[in-house]
């Protein structure tokens, strides 16, 4: 793209516009600056709510991929990429999924998570090549790009589409048609408080949407009973105590009995709960869970 064309295209992006409500930021007392930033932040959840139908489609795709043994990839650059890294890192301990089921790819590689690597997002071929090596039919690839036009992300989505994977674009640019994406989650947050600083409202909107996407997809995949994370992995003292509390509360037993059952099951919360509620052995409880495909509601009501 020629410089003049690129200048014109970027100047038209919703994420690059000047916000008329914050044009006097540098003239205001600090308290007023904070109040204005807070007011802009309060607009974000309403914008995310309008995208719920598209988030629903994406969540069903993620759940289908997961339950069928496929993989889910998040691909992004800058703030968007880092939010994808957070999502992929936090799902395994929360919902007990195997490492590698959710993977994040970041423009510029792992070090770019901690230190910005300028220009990495501009290489379409890198995104295409990285996803081409990984994605297969049955997988879901979620591209995250506030502007909607990040070449690295567009390349990754194009490769995923070619491989037969489900493609999702999460963006804050409702104008971008994104032919590479089968599902487009477009959240119109309006211009940033500081023009072009997409780590602000766009970042907040992206994090909210990703929270909804991953959480809802795990709920419909049987990873939650009522509102308890019954597949939690006990990888820290806090999570060990959480597992005991969930087992005691849902299983209807005391803490000591919850601890005994967790010891018997290797800290498998679901199995411990079914043993507690139905008076079954470990093997019997595990068999019931397999038959129910992991959905405790089908066992316990």
Foldseek 3Di string as FASTA:
>chain_A
DDPVVVVVVVCPFQQQDADPQQPCLVVDDPVVNVVSLVVLLVLQVVLLVVLVVLLVVLLQLLLQLVLVVHAEEEEEEDLQQLLLVVLLVPCCQLQVDDNRSYYGHYQVPDVCNPPPDPPSQQDLVQLLVVLLVPAAASYEYEYEDARLPRSSSLSVLQNNVVRNHAYEYEYQGPVDPSPSHPGYRHGPSGYHSPRNPCCRSVVVNSNVSSCCSSVVSSVVQQCADPHQRQNRDCPDPVSLVSLLVLLCVLLVHDSVLSVVLCVQQVNRSQLSSCCSNVVDDSVVSVVVCVVVSNHCVVVPD
